[in-house]
Amino acid sequence: MNCENCQACNQGTDCSGCQRNTELNPLEYALLDVFSVTPFLPVAIDRQSGRMLLMDPELEPTAAGLALRMLQRRGLVRVDADLPLPNADYSGYKDQAHGSAALTARGQEFLDSMEYQG
């Protein structure tokens, strides 16, 4: 999505989907930090609500899932609901669809720019 067609950007409100908005909250930064170490993360998706749960021992699953969705909307990560990681432990998420998440090229560029800015 580009900002020319983004209603939120054109109205001066907070956009979460175009390339102009890269202001992240602390949990989103923490999640990007996890991606900087582990490029692929297992994700569970509730079959009824579509809510994502991120399976990382250091983050609360529901809040991390929400942060993941925002990073996905910003084009920083890609979530594949039907592409589970072969060696991931999904045992705690039996009733959900098993998927995975990974950084996009834009997400990697964003991480690289964060490293330069220190």
N, C-alpha and C. Protein backbone atom coordinates (compact mmCIF):
# COMPACT_ATOMS: atom_id res chain seq x y z
N MET A 1 0.85 -1.18 0.00
CA MET A 1 0.00 0.00 0.00
C MET A 1 0.89 1.23 0.00
N ASN A 2 0.58 2.23 -0.82
CA ASN A 2 1.36 3.46 -0.74
C ASN A 2 0.53 4.56 -0.09
N CYS A 3 1.19 5.60 0.36
CA CYS A 3 0.53 6.62 1.17
C CYS A 3 -0.43 7.50 0.37
N GLU A 4 -0.29 7.55 -0.94
CA GLU A 4 -1.19 8.37 -1.74
C GLU A 4 -2.63 7.90 -1.60
N ASN A 5 -2.80 6.58 -1.46
CA ASN A 5 -4.14 6.01 -1.36
C ASN A 5 -4.54 5.70 0.06
N CYS A 6 -3.74 6.11 1.01
CA CYS A 6 -4.00 5.79 2.41
C CYS A 6 -4.89 6.87 3.02
N GLN A 7 -6.12 6.52 3.36
CA GLN A 7 -7.04 7.49 3.93
C GLN A 7 -6.52 8.08 5.22
N ALA A 8 -5.94 7.25 6.08
CA ALA A 8 -5.44 7.75 7.36
C ALA A 8 -4.34 8.78 7.16
N CYS A 9 -3.40 8.51 6.26
CA CYS A 9 -2.32 9.48 6.02
C CYS A 9 -2.87 10.77 5.43
N ASN A 10 -3.81 10.64 4.50
CA ASN A 10 -4.38 11.83 3.86
C ASN A 10 -5.21 12.66 4.82
N GLN A 11 -5.72 12.02 5.89
CA GLN A 11 -6.50 12.75 6.89
C GLN A 11 -5.65 13.16 8.08
N GLY A 12 -4.37 12.81 8.06
CA GLY A 12 -3.48 13.19 9.15
C GLY A 12 -3.62 12.35 10.39
N THR A 13 -4.29 11.20 10.28
CA THR A 13 -4.42 10.32 11.44
C THR A 13 -3.39 9.20 11.34
N ASP A 14 -3.30 8.40 12.39
CA ASP A 14 -2.30 7.35 12.44
C ASP A 14 -2.64 6.22 11.49
N CYS A 15 -1.76 5.93 10.60
CA CYS A 15 -1.92 4.85 9.64
C CYS A 15 -1.08 3.67 10.11
N SER A 16 -1.59 2.47 9.88
CA SER A 16 -0.80 1.30 10.24
C SER A 16 -0.53 0.43 9.02
N GLY A 17 -0.79 0.93 7.86
CA GLY A 17 -0.65 0.07 6.70
C GLY A 17 0.26 0.57 5.60
N CYS A 18 0.66 1.80 5.62
CA CYS A 18 1.48 2.29 4.51
C CYS A 18 2.94 2.43 4.94
N GLN A 19 3.77 2.77 4.00
CA GLN A 19 5.20 2.82 4.27
C GLN A 19 5.62 4.05 5.04
N ARG A 20 4.77 5.04 5.15
CA ARG A 20 5.16 6.26 5.84
C ARG A 20 5.23 6.04 7.35
N ASN A 21 4.33 5.24 7.89
CA ASN A 21 4.25 5.08 9.34
C ASN A 21 5.14 3.95 9.82
N THR A 22 6.20 4.29 10.51
CA THR A 22 7.05 3.28 11.12
C THR A 22 7.26 3.56 12.60
N GLU A 23 6.34 4.30 13.21
CA GLU A 23 6.41 4.50 14.65
C GLU A 23 5.83 3.27 15.32
N LEU A 24 6.66 2.61 16.10
CA LEU A 24 6.26 1.36 16.73
C LEU A 24 6.12 1.53 18.23
N ASN A 25 5.30 0.69 18.84
CA ASN A 25 5.20 0.70 20.29
C ASN A 25 6.28 -0.22 20.86
N PRO A 26 6.51 -0.19 22.17
CA PRO A 26 7.59 -1.00 22.75
C PRO A 26 7.48 -2.50 22.47
N LEU A 27 6.26 -3.04 22.47
CA LEU A 27 6.10 -4.46 22.19
C LEU A 27 6.46 -4.79 20.75
N GLU A 28 6.12 -3.90 19.82
CA GLU A 28 6.48 -4.12 18.42
C GLU A 28 8.00 -4.09 18.25
N TYR A 29 8.67 -3.16 18.94
CA TYR A 29 10.14 -3.15 18.91
C TYR A 29 10.70 -4.44 19.51
N ALA A 30 10.12 -4.89 20.62
CA ALA A 30 10.58 -6.14 21.25
C ALA A 30 10.41 -7.31 20.30
N LEU A 31 9.32 -7.33 19.58
CA LEU A 31 9.06 -8.40 18.63
C LEU A 31 10.05 -8.36 17.47
N LEU A 32 10.34 -7.17 16.96
CA LEU A 32 11.36 -7.06 15.92
C LEU A 32 12.72 -7.52 16.43
N ASP A 33 12.98 -7.26 17.69
CA ASP A 33 14.22 -7.72 18.30
C ASP A 33 14.28 -9.25 18.29
N VAL A 34 13.15 -9.90 18.56
CA VAL A 34 13.09 -11.36 18.50
C VAL A 34 13.37 -11.83 17.07
N PHE A 35 12.77 -11.15 16.08
CA PHE A 35 13.01 -11.51 14.68
C PHE A 35 14.46 -11.30 14.27
N SER A 36 15.16 -10.37 14.90
CA SER A 36 16.56 -10.14 14.55
C SER A 36 17.43 -11.33 14.94
N VAL A 37 16.97 -12.11 15.91
CA VAL A 37 17.71 -13.28 16.37
C VAL A 37 17.16 -14.57 15.75
N THR A 38 15.83 -14.64 15.63
CA THR A 38 15.15 -15.83 15.11
C THR A 38 14.32 -15.42 13.90
N PRO A 39 14.78 -15.73 12.70
CA PRO A 39 14.11 -15.22 11.50
C PRO A 39 12.71 -15.77 11.24
N PHE A 40 12.40 -16.95 11.77
CA PHE A 40 11.08 -17.56 11.56
C PHE A 40 10.49 -17.91 12.92
N LEU A 41 9.26 -17.50 13.15
CA LEU A 41 8.60 -17.77 14.42
C LEU A 41 7.31 -18.53 14.20
N PRO A 42 7.01 -19.50 15.08
CA PRO A 42 5.73 -20.20 14.98
C PRO A 42 4.59 -19.31 15.46
N VAL A 43 3.49 -19.40 14.76
CA VAL A 43 2.30 -18.61 15.07
C VAL A 43 1.10 -19.54 15.08
N ALA A 44 0.18 -19.29 16.01
CA ALA A 44 -1.09 -20.00 16.01
C ALA A 44 -2.18 -18.99 15.68
N ILE A 45 -3.14 -19.41 14.90
CA ILE A 45 -4.24 -18.52 14.51
C ILE A 45 -5.55 -19.18 14.92
N ASP A 46 -6.33 -18.46 15.72
CA ASP A 46 -7.63 -18.97 16.16
C ASP A 46 -8.52 -19.13 14.94
N ARG A 47 -9.06 -20.29 14.77
CA ARG A 47 -9.85 -20.60 13.56
C ARG A 47 -11.15 -19.79 13.48
N GLN A 48 -11.72 -19.41 14.62
CA GLN A 48 -12.99 -18.68 14.61
C GLN A 48 -12.80 -17.18 14.52
N SER A 49 -11.90 -16.63 15.34
CA SER A 49 -11.76 -15.18 15.39
C SER A 49 -10.68 -14.64 14.46
N GLY A 50 -9.74 -15.49 14.03
CA GLY A 50 -8.63 -15.02 13.22
C GLY A 50 -7.51 -14.40 14.05
N ARG A 51 -7.70 -14.36 15.38
CA ARG A 51 -6.70 -13.76 16.28
C ARG A 51 -5.42 -14.58 16.24
N MET A 52 -4.30 -13.88 16.15
CA MET A 52 -3.00 -14.53 16.13
C MET A 52 -2.44 -14.64 17.54
N LEU A 53 -1.76 -15.74 17.80
CA LEU A 53 -1.04 -15.94 19.04
C LEU A 53 0.41 -16.24 18.67
N LEU A 54 1.30 -15.47 19.21
CA LEU A 54 2.71 -15.70 18.92
C LEU A 54 3.30 -16.57 20.00
N MET A 55 3.93 -17.62 19.59
CA MET A 55 4.45 -18.59 20.54
C MET A 55 5.92 -18.30 20.84
N ASP A 56 6.14 -17.35 21.73
CA ASP A 56 7.49 -17.01 22.17
C ASP A 56 7.48 -16.99 23.69
N PRO A 57 8.40 -17.70 24.34
CA PRO A 57 8.35 -17.80 25.80
C PRO A 57 8.53 -16.48 26.54
N GLU A 58 9.09 -15.49 25.89
CA GLU A 58 9.35 -14.22 26.57
C GLU A 58 8.24 -13.19 26.41
N LEU A 59 7.25 -13.50 25.57
CA LEU A 59 6.18 -12.54 25.30
C LEU A 59 4.82 -13.18 25.57
N GLU A 60 3.88 -12.38 26.05
CA GLU A 60 2.53 -12.86 26.29
C GLU A 60 1.89 -13.14 24.92
N PRO A 61 1.35 -14.34 24.69
CA PRO A 61 0.91 -14.75 23.35
C PRO A 61 -0.10 -13.84 22.68
N THR A 62 -1.14 -13.40 23.40
CA THR A 62 -2.18 -12.58 22.78
C THR A 62 -1.67 -11.19 22.43
N ALA A 63 -0.98 -10.53 23.36
CA ALA A 63 -0.44 -9.19 23.10
C ALA A 63 0.59 -9.25 21.99
N ALA A 64 1.44 -10.27 22.01
CA ALA A 64 2.44 -10.42 20.95
C ALA A 64 1.77 -10.67 19.61
N GLY A 65 0.66 -11.41 19.62
CA GLY A 65 -0.08 -11.65 18.38
C GLY A 65 -0.64 -10.37 17.81
N LEU A 66 -1.12 -9.49 18.67
CA LEU A 66 -1.62 -8.19 18.23
C LEU A 66 -0.50 -7.35 17.64
N ALA A 67 0.65 -7.34 18.31
CA ALA A 67 1.81 -6.61 17.79
C ALA A 67 2.25 -7.19 16.45
N LEU A 68 2.18 -8.50 16.33
CA LEU A 68 2.54 -9.15 15.07
C LEU A 68 1.61 -8.70 13.96
N ARG A 69 0.31 -8.61 14.25
CA ARG A 69 -0.64 -8.15 13.24
C ARG A 69 -0.32 -6.72 12.79
N MET A 70 0.06 -5.86 13.73
CA MET A 70 0.41 -4.48 13.36
C MET A 70 1.68 -4.44 12.51
N LEU A 71 2.66 -5.26 12.85
CA LEU A 71 3.88 -5.32 12.03
C LEU A 71 3.56 -5.86 10.64
N GLN A 72 2.62 -6.79 10.57
CA GLN A 72 2.19 -7.32 9.28
C GLN A 72 1.52 -6.22 8.46
N ARG A 73 0.66 -5.43 9.07
CA ARG A 73 -0.02 -4.34 8.36
C ARG A 73 0.96 -3.30 7.86
N ARG A 74 2.05 -3.12 8.58
CA ARG A 74 3.07 -2.15 8.16
C ARG A 74 4.01 -2.73 7.11
N GLY A 75 3.83 -4.00 6.80
CA GLY A 75 4.67 -4.64 5.78
C GLY A 75 6.04 -5.05 6.30
N LEU A 76 6.20 -5.14 7.62
CA LEU A 76 7.50 -5.49 8.19
C LEU A 76 7.65 -7.00 8.39
N VAL A 77 6.54 -7.71 8.54
CA VAL A 77 6.57 -9.16 8.66
C VAL A 77 5.50 -9.77 7.76
N ARG A 78 5.71 -11.02 7.46
CA ARG A 78 4.74 -11.79 6.69
C ARG A 78 4.27 -12.93 7.57
N VAL A 79 2.97 -13.15 7.61
CA VAL A 79 2.41 -14.26 8.37
C VAL A 79 1.77 -15.23 7.39
N ASP A 80 2.16 -16.48 7.49
CA ASP A 80 1.58 -17.53 6.66
C ASP A 80 0.80 -18.47 7.56
N ALA A 81 -0.51 -18.35 7.51
CA ALA A 81 -1.38 -19.13 8.39
C ALA A 81 -1.35 -20.62 8.06
N ASP A 82 -0.97 -20.96 6.85
CA ASP A 82 -0.99 -22.36 6.44
C ASP A 82 0.41 -22.93 6.21
N LEU A 83 1.42 -22.30 6.81
CA LEU A 83 2.79 -22.75 6.63
C LEU A 83 3.47 -22.92 7.99
N PRO A 84 3.16 -24.03 8.69
CA PRO A 84 3.77 -24.23 10.00
C PRO A 84 5.26 -24.55 9.88
N LEU A 85 5.99 -24.24 10.92
CA LEU A 85 7.41 -24.58 10.96
C LEU A 85 7.55 -26.06 11.32
N PRO A 86 8.35 -26.80 10.58
CA PRO A 86 8.41 -28.25 10.78
C PRO A 86 8.86 -28.69 12.18
N ASN A 87 9.76 -27.98 12.81
CA ASN A 87 10.28 -28.42 14.11
C ASN A 87 9.72 -27.62 15.28
N ALA A 88 8.71 -26.82 15.06
CA ALA A 88 8.15 -25.99 16.13
C ALA A 88 7.22 -26.82 17.01
N ASP A 89 7.16 -26.45 18.28
CA ASP A 89 6.29 -27.12 19.23
C ASP A 89 4.94 -26.39 19.27
N TYR A 90 3.95 -26.94 18.63
CA TYR A 90 2.61 -26.37 18.60
C TYR A 90 1.68 -27.07 19.60
N SER A 91 2.24 -27.88 20.49
CA SER A 91 1.41 -28.71 21.38
C SER A 91 0.47 -27.90 22.27
N GLY A 92 0.83 -26.69 22.65
CA GLY A 92 -0.03 -25.87 23.48
C GLY A 92 -1.13 -25.17 22.71
N TYR A 93 -1.17 -25.37 21.41
CA TYR A 93 -2.13 -24.68 20.55
C TYR A 93 -2.84 -25.68 19.65
N LYS A 94 -3.51 -26.63 20.27
CA LYS A 94 -4.13 -27.72 19.50
C LYS A 94 -5.36 -27.29 18.72
N ASP A 95 -6.10 -26.31 19.21
CA ASP A 95 -7.35 -25.92 18.55
C ASP A 95 -7.17 -24.80 17.54
N GLN A 96 -5.95 -24.35 17.35
CA GLN A 96 -5.69 -23.26 16.42
C GLN A 96 -4.98 -23.78 15.17
N ALA A 97 -5.07 -22.99 14.10
CA ALA A 97 -4.31 -23.28 12.90
C ALA A 97 -2.84 -22.96 13.19
N HIS A 98 -1.96 -23.75 12.64
CA HIS A 98 -0.53 -23.56 12.87
C HIS A 98 0.09 -22.89 11.66
N GLY A 99 0.81 -21.79 11.92
CA GLY A 99 1.44 -21.05 10.86
C GLY A 99 2.81 -20.56 11.27
N SER A 100 3.31 -19.60 10.53
CA SER A 100 4.63 -19.05 10.82
C SER A 100 4.69 -17.58 10.42
N ALA A 101 5.69 -16.91 10.93
CA ALA A 101 5.90 -15.50 10.62
C ALA A 101 7.38 -15.28 10.32
N ALA A 102 7.66 -14.34 9.44
CA ALA A 102 9.04 -14.03 9.07
C ALA A 102 9.13 -12.55 8.69
N LEU A 103 10.32 -12.01 8.79
CA LEU A 103 10.56 -10.63 8.34
C LEU A 103 10.41 -10.54 6.84
N THR A 104 9.89 -9.43 6.37
CA THR A 104 9.90 -9.13 4.93
C THR A 104 11.20 -8.39 4.62
N ALA A 105 11.44 -8.12 3.36
CA ALA A 105 12.62 -7.33 2.98
C ALA A 105 12.54 -5.96 3.63
N ARG A 106 11.34 -5.38 3.65
CA ARG A 106 11.16 -4.07 4.30
C ARG A 106 11.44 -4.16 5.80
N GLY A 107 11.03 -5.26 6.42
CA GLY A 107 11.30 -5.46 7.84
C GLY A 107 12.79 -5.55 8.12
N GLN A 108 13.52 -6.25 7.24
CA GLN A 108 14.97 -6.35 7.42
C GLN A 108 15.63 -4.99 7.24
N GLU A 109 15.17 -4.22 6.26
CA GLU A 109 15.70 -2.86 6.07
C GLU A 109 15.44 -2.01 7.30
N PHE A 110 14.25 -2.15 7.87
CA PHE A 110 13.90 -1.39 9.07
C PHE A 110 14.82 -1.79 10.23
N LEU A 111 15.04 -3.08 10.40
CA LEU A 111 15.97 -3.55 11.44
C LEU A 111 17.37 -3.00 11.22
N ASP A 112 17.83 -3.05 9.98
CA ASP A 112 19.16 -2.53 9.66
C ASP A 112 19.26 -1.05 9.99
N SER A 113 18.21 -0.28 9.70
CA SER A 113 18.24 1.15 9.99
C SER A 113 18.22 1.40 11.50
N MET A 114 17.55 0.54 12.25
CA MET A 114 17.55 0.67 13.72
C MET A 114 18.96 0.45 14.26
N GLU A 115 19.70 -0.49 13.68
CA GLU A 115 21.06 -0.75 14.13
C GLU A 115 21.97 0.45 13.86
N TYR A 116 21.79 1.09 12.70
CA TYR A 116 22.60 2.25 12.37
C TYR A 116 22.30 3.42 13.29
N GLN A 117 21.03 3.56 13.69
CA GLN A 117 20.64 4.67 14.54
C GLN A 117 21.01 4.42 15.99
N GLY A 118 21.33 3.18 16.32
CA GLY A 118 21.80 2.81 17.64
C GLY A 118 20.75 2.78 18.65
